[in-house]
Amino acid sequence: MKEIITKENVTRCAQDASDYIVSLIKFVVARAKDFSVLDFALLKLCLVSFGLYIGSKFAEFFKKFRFVLLISFFISYVYMLWRIFIRED
């Protein structure tokens, strides 16, 4: 049976998604309060390396460093996931 798309259904789904995102942001911010300087440095490395990797798709200079950028992003991203969601202080 198909559910009829109504304004109320869309509003309810949007509110549920908004509530979930807000709770996820609160969780991540609470976990980030315990970050050390090294953790913030690795977070910045993660974001910068991902940005450079995306940019390397368009710039000739970074094409030779694409693999290094991808590896540095992957390692820092896995560390950040572990630090935020798995590690208990």
N, C-alpha and C. Protein backbone atom coordinates (compact mmCIF):
# COMPACT_ATOMS: atom_id res chain seq x y z
N MET A 1 0.83 -1.17 0.00
CA MET A 1 0.00 0.00 0.00
C MET A 1 0.89 1.24 0.00
N LYS A 2 0.63 2.14 -0.90
CA LYS A 2 1.40 3.37 -0.99
C LYS A 2 0.86 4.40 -0.02
N GLU A 3 1.81 5.12 0.57
CA GLU A 3 1.42 6.21 1.46
C GLU A 3 1.26 7.47 0.63
N ILE A 4 0.20 8.18 0.89
CA ILE A 4 -0.08 9.40 0.15
C ILE A 4 0.82 10.51 0.70
N ILE A 5 1.47 11.22 -0.21
CA ILE A 5 2.34 12.31 0.19
C ILE A 5 1.48 13.54 0.46
N THR A 6 1.51 13.93 1.72
CA THR A 6 0.77 15.11 2.12
C THR A 6 1.73 16.09 2.78
N LYS A 7 1.26 17.28 2.97
CA LYS A 7 2.07 18.31 3.62
C LYS A 7 2.43 17.88 5.04
N GLU A 8 1.50 17.25 5.73
CA GLU A 8 1.75 16.80 7.10
C GLU A 8 2.83 15.72 7.14
N ASN A 9 2.78 14.77 6.18
CA ASN A 9 3.79 13.71 6.14
C ASN A 9 5.18 14.29 5.87
N VAL A 10 5.26 15.21 4.93
CA VAL A 10 6.54 15.83 4.61
C VAL A 10 7.05 16.63 5.79
N THR A 11 6.16 17.37 6.45
CA THR A 11 6.55 18.16 7.62
C THR A 11 7.04 17.25 8.74
N ARG A 12 6.35 16.14 8.97
CA ARG A 12 6.76 15.20 10.02
C ARG A 12 8.11 14.59 9.72
N CYS A 13 8.33 14.19 8.48
CA CYS A 13 9.63 13.62 8.09
C CYS A 13 10.74 14.65 8.22
N ALA A 14 10.46 15.88 7.83
CA ALA A 14 11.47 16.94 7.95
C ALA A 14 11.79 17.22 9.41
N GLN A 15 10.78 17.20 10.26
CA GLN A 15 11.01 17.42 11.69
C GLN A 15 11.80 16.28 12.30
N ASP A 16 11.51 15.04 11.92
CA ASP A 16 12.27 13.90 12.41
C ASP A 16 13.73 13.98 11.99
N ALA A 17 13.96 14.34 10.74
CA ALA A 17 15.33 14.48 10.24
C ALA A 17 16.05 15.61 10.97
N SER A 18 15.35 16.72 11.20
CA SER A 18 15.95 17.84 11.92
C SER A 18 16.30 17.45 13.34
N ASP A 19 15.42 16.73 14.02
CA ASP A 19 15.70 16.29 15.39
C ASP A 19 16.91 15.35 15.44
N TYR A 20 17.01 14.48 14.46
CA TYR A 20 18.14 13.55 14.41
C TYR A 20 19.45 14.31 14.18
N ILE A 21 19.46 15.26 13.27
CA ILE A 21 20.66 16.03 12.98
C ILE A 21 21.08 16.86 14.20
N VAL A 22 20.12 17.46 14.88
CA VAL A 22 20.42 18.24 16.07
C VAL A 22 21.03 17.36 17.15
N SER A 23 20.49 16.17 17.36
CA SER A 23 21.05 15.28 18.38
C SER A 23 22.44 14.79 17.97
N LEU A 24 22.67 14.56 16.69
CA LEU A 24 24.00 14.16 16.23
C LEU A 24 25.01 15.28 16.43
N ILE A 25 24.63 16.50 16.13
CA ILE A 25 25.53 17.64 16.32
C ILE A 25 25.84 17.84 17.80
N LYS A 26 24.84 17.71 18.66
CA LYS A 26 25.08 17.84 20.10
C LYS A 26 26.03 16.76 20.59
N PHE A 27 25.89 15.54 20.09
CA PHE A 27 26.76 14.45 20.47
C PHE A 27 28.20 14.73 20.05
N VAL A 28 28.39 15.16 18.81
CA VAL A 28 29.74 15.42 18.30
C VAL A 28 30.39 16.59 19.04
N VAL A 29 29.62 17.64 19.31
CA VAL A 29 30.17 18.79 20.04
C VAL A 29 30.56 18.38 21.46
N ALA A 30 29.76 17.56 22.10
CA ALA A 30 30.09 17.09 23.45
C ALA A 30 31.37 16.27 23.43
N ARG A 31 31.54 15.44 22.41
CA ARG A 31 32.77 14.64 22.31
C ARG A 31 33.97 15.50 21.95
N ALA A 32 33.76 16.56 21.17
CA ALA A 32 34.86 17.43 20.75
C ALA A 32 35.39 18.28 21.91
N LYS A 33 34.61 18.45 22.96
CA LYS A 33 35.09 19.22 24.11
C LYS A 33 36.30 18.57 24.76
N ASP A 34 36.47 17.27 24.57
CA ASP A 34 37.61 16.56 25.16
C ASP A 34 38.80 16.46 24.22
N PHE A 35 38.73 17.10 23.06
CA PHE A 35 39.82 17.01 22.08
C PHE A 35 41.07 17.70 22.60
N SER A 36 42.19 17.11 22.28
CA SER A 36 43.48 17.74 22.58
C SER A 36 43.90 18.56 21.37
N VAL A 37 45.03 19.22 21.50
CA VAL A 37 45.57 20.00 20.39
C VAL A 37 45.88 19.07 19.22
N LEU A 38 46.39 17.89 19.51
CA LEU A 38 46.70 16.91 18.46
C LEU A 38 45.43 16.48 17.73
N ASP A 39 44.36 16.28 18.47
CA ASP A 39 43.09 15.90 17.85
C ASP A 39 42.58 16.97 16.90
N PHE A 40 42.67 18.23 17.32
CA PHE A 40 42.24 19.32 16.44
C PHE A 40 43.16 19.45 15.23
N ALA A 41 44.45 19.20 15.43
CA ALA A 41 45.38 19.25 14.30
C ALA A 41 45.04 18.16 13.28
N LEU A 42 44.70 16.97 13.76
CA LEU A 42 44.33 15.89 12.85
C LEU A 42 42.99 16.14 12.18
N LEU A 43 42.08 16.80 12.88
CA LEU A 43 40.82 17.19 12.25
C LEU A 43 41.07 18.17 11.11
N LYS A 44 41.94 19.15 11.35
CA LYS A 44 42.27 20.10 10.29
C LYS A 44 42.98 19.41 9.14
N LEU A 45 43.88 18.47 9.46
CA LEU A 45 44.55 17.71 8.41
C LEU A 45 43.54 16.94 7.57
N CYS A 46 42.56 16.36 8.23
CA CYS A 46 41.51 15.62 7.54
C CYS A 46 40.76 16.53 6.57
N LEU A 47 40.34 17.68 7.05
CA LEU A 47 39.56 18.59 6.21
C LEU A 47 40.40 19.19 5.08
N VAL A 48 41.63 19.57 5.38
CA VAL A 48 42.50 20.17 4.35
C VAL A 48 42.86 19.13 3.30
N SER A 49 43.21 17.92 3.73
CA SER A 49 43.60 16.90 2.75
C SER A 49 42.43 16.51 1.86
N PHE A 50 41.21 16.48 2.42
CA PHE A 50 40.05 16.18 1.59
C PHE A 50 39.81 17.30 0.59
N GLY A 51 39.92 18.54 1.05
CA GLY A 51 39.75 19.67 0.14
C GLY A 51 40.79 19.69 -0.96
N LEU A 52 42.04 19.40 -0.60
CA LEU A 52 43.09 19.36 -1.61
C LEU A 52 42.89 18.19 -2.58
N TYR A 53 42.39 17.07 -2.07
CA TYR A 53 42.14 15.94 -2.95
C TYR A 53 41.05 16.28 -3.97
N ILE A 54 39.99 16.91 -3.50
CA ILE A 54 38.94 17.34 -4.42
C ILE A 54 39.50 18.35 -5.41
N GLY A 55 40.30 19.29 -4.91
CA GLY A 55 40.90 20.28 -5.79
C GLY A 55 41.88 19.69 -6.78
N SER A 56 42.50 18.56 -6.42
CA SER A 56 43.48 17.94 -7.32
C SER A 56 42.82 17.37 -8.56
N LYS A 57 41.54 17.19 -8.51
CA LYS A 57 40.82 16.73 -9.69
C LYS A 57 40.79 17.81 -10.77
N PHE A 58 41.01 19.07 -10.35
CA PHE A 58 40.91 20.18 -11.28
C PHE A 58 42.23 20.90 -11.54
N ALA A 59 43.21 20.73 -10.65
CA ALA A 59 44.48 21.44 -10.80
C ALA A 59 45.58 20.45 -11.21
N GLU A 60 46.36 20.83 -12.19
CA GLU A 60 47.43 19.98 -12.72
C GLU A 60 48.53 19.77 -11.68
N PHE A 61 48.84 20.79 -10.87
CA PHE A 61 49.94 20.70 -9.91
C PHE A 61 49.74 19.59 -8.90
N PHE A 62 48.52 19.41 -8.40
CA PHE A 62 48.27 18.44 -7.34
C PHE A 62 48.00 17.03 -7.85
N LYS A 63 47.91 16.84 -9.16
CA LYS A 63 47.61 15.50 -9.67
C LYS A 63 48.66 14.48 -9.26
N LYS A 64 49.92 14.89 -9.18
CA LYS A 64 50.97 13.94 -8.80
C LYS A 64 50.92 13.62 -7.31
N PHE A 65 50.25 14.44 -6.49
CA PHE A 65 50.12 14.20 -5.05
C PHE A 65 48.78 13.62 -4.66
N ARG A 66 47.96 13.26 -5.62
CA ARG A 66 46.59 12.81 -5.34
C ARG A 66 46.57 11.60 -4.39
N PHE A 67 47.44 10.62 -4.61
CA PHE A 67 47.44 9.43 -3.76
C PHE A 67 47.83 9.78 -2.33
N VAL A 68 48.83 10.63 -2.15
CA VAL A 68 49.26 11.04 -0.81
C VAL A 68 48.13 11.79 -0.11
N LEU A 69 47.44 12.65 -0.82
CA LEU A 69 46.32 13.39 -0.24
C LEU A 69 45.19 12.45 0.17
N LEU A 70 44.92 11.47 -0.67
CA LEU A 70 43.87 10.51 -0.35
C LEU A 70 44.23 9.68 0.87
N ILE A 71 45.46 9.24 0.96
CA ILE A 71 45.90 8.45 2.12
C ILE A 71 45.86 9.29 3.39
N SER A 72 46.35 10.53 3.34
CA SER A 72 46.32 11.38 4.54
C SER A 72 44.88 11.67 4.96
N PHE A 73 43.99 11.88 4.00
CA PHE A 73 42.58 12.07 4.35
C PHE A 73 42.01 10.82 5.00
N PHE A 74 42.26 9.67 4.40
CA PHE A 74 41.69 8.43 4.91
C PHE A 74 42.16 8.14 6.33
N ILE A 75 43.45 8.29 6.59
CA ILE A 75 43.99 8.00 7.91
C ILE A 75 43.43 8.96 8.95
N SER A 76 43.41 10.25 8.64
CA SER A 76 42.89 11.21 9.61
C SER A 76 41.39 11.07 9.80
N TYR A 77 40.67 10.70 8.74
CA TYR A 77 39.22 10.51 8.85
C TYR A 77 38.89 9.30 9.74
N VAL A 78 39.60 8.22 9.55
CA VAL A 78 39.38 7.03 10.39
C VAL A 78 39.70 7.35 11.85
N TYR A 79 40.79 8.10 12.07
CA TYR A 79 41.13 8.49 13.43
C TYR A 79 40.02 9.33 14.05
N MET A 80 39.49 10.32 13.29
CA MET A 80 38.43 11.17 13.83
C MET A 80 37.17 10.37 14.13
N LEU A 81 36.82 9.42 13.27
CA LEU A 81 35.66 8.57 13.55
C LEU A 81 35.88 7.77 14.83
N TRP A 82 37.08 7.21 14.98
CA TRP A 82 37.39 6.45 16.18
C TRP A 82 37.35 7.35 17.41
N ARG A 83 37.92 8.54 17.29
CA ARG A 83 38.02 9.46 18.43
C ARG A 83 36.64 9.94 18.86
N ILE A 84 35.75 10.19 17.92
CA ILE A 84 34.43 10.73 18.26
C ILE A 84 33.46 9.65 18.68
N PHE A 85 33.40 8.54 17.95
CA PHE A 85 32.33 7.56 18.17
C PHE A 85 32.72 6.34 18.98
N ILE A 86 33.99 5.99 19.04
CA ILE A 86 34.36 4.72 19.68
C ILE A 86 35.09 4.93 21.00
N ARG A 87 36.08 5.80 21.01
CA ARG A 87 36.92 5.97 22.19
C ARG A 87 36.13 6.54 23.35
N GLU A 88 36.27 5.91 24.48
CA GLU A 88 35.64 6.39 25.71
C GLU A 88 36.73 6.97 26.59
N ASP A 89 36.58 8.23 26.99
CA ASP A 89 37.59 8.89 27.83
C ASP A 89 37.40 8.54 29.27
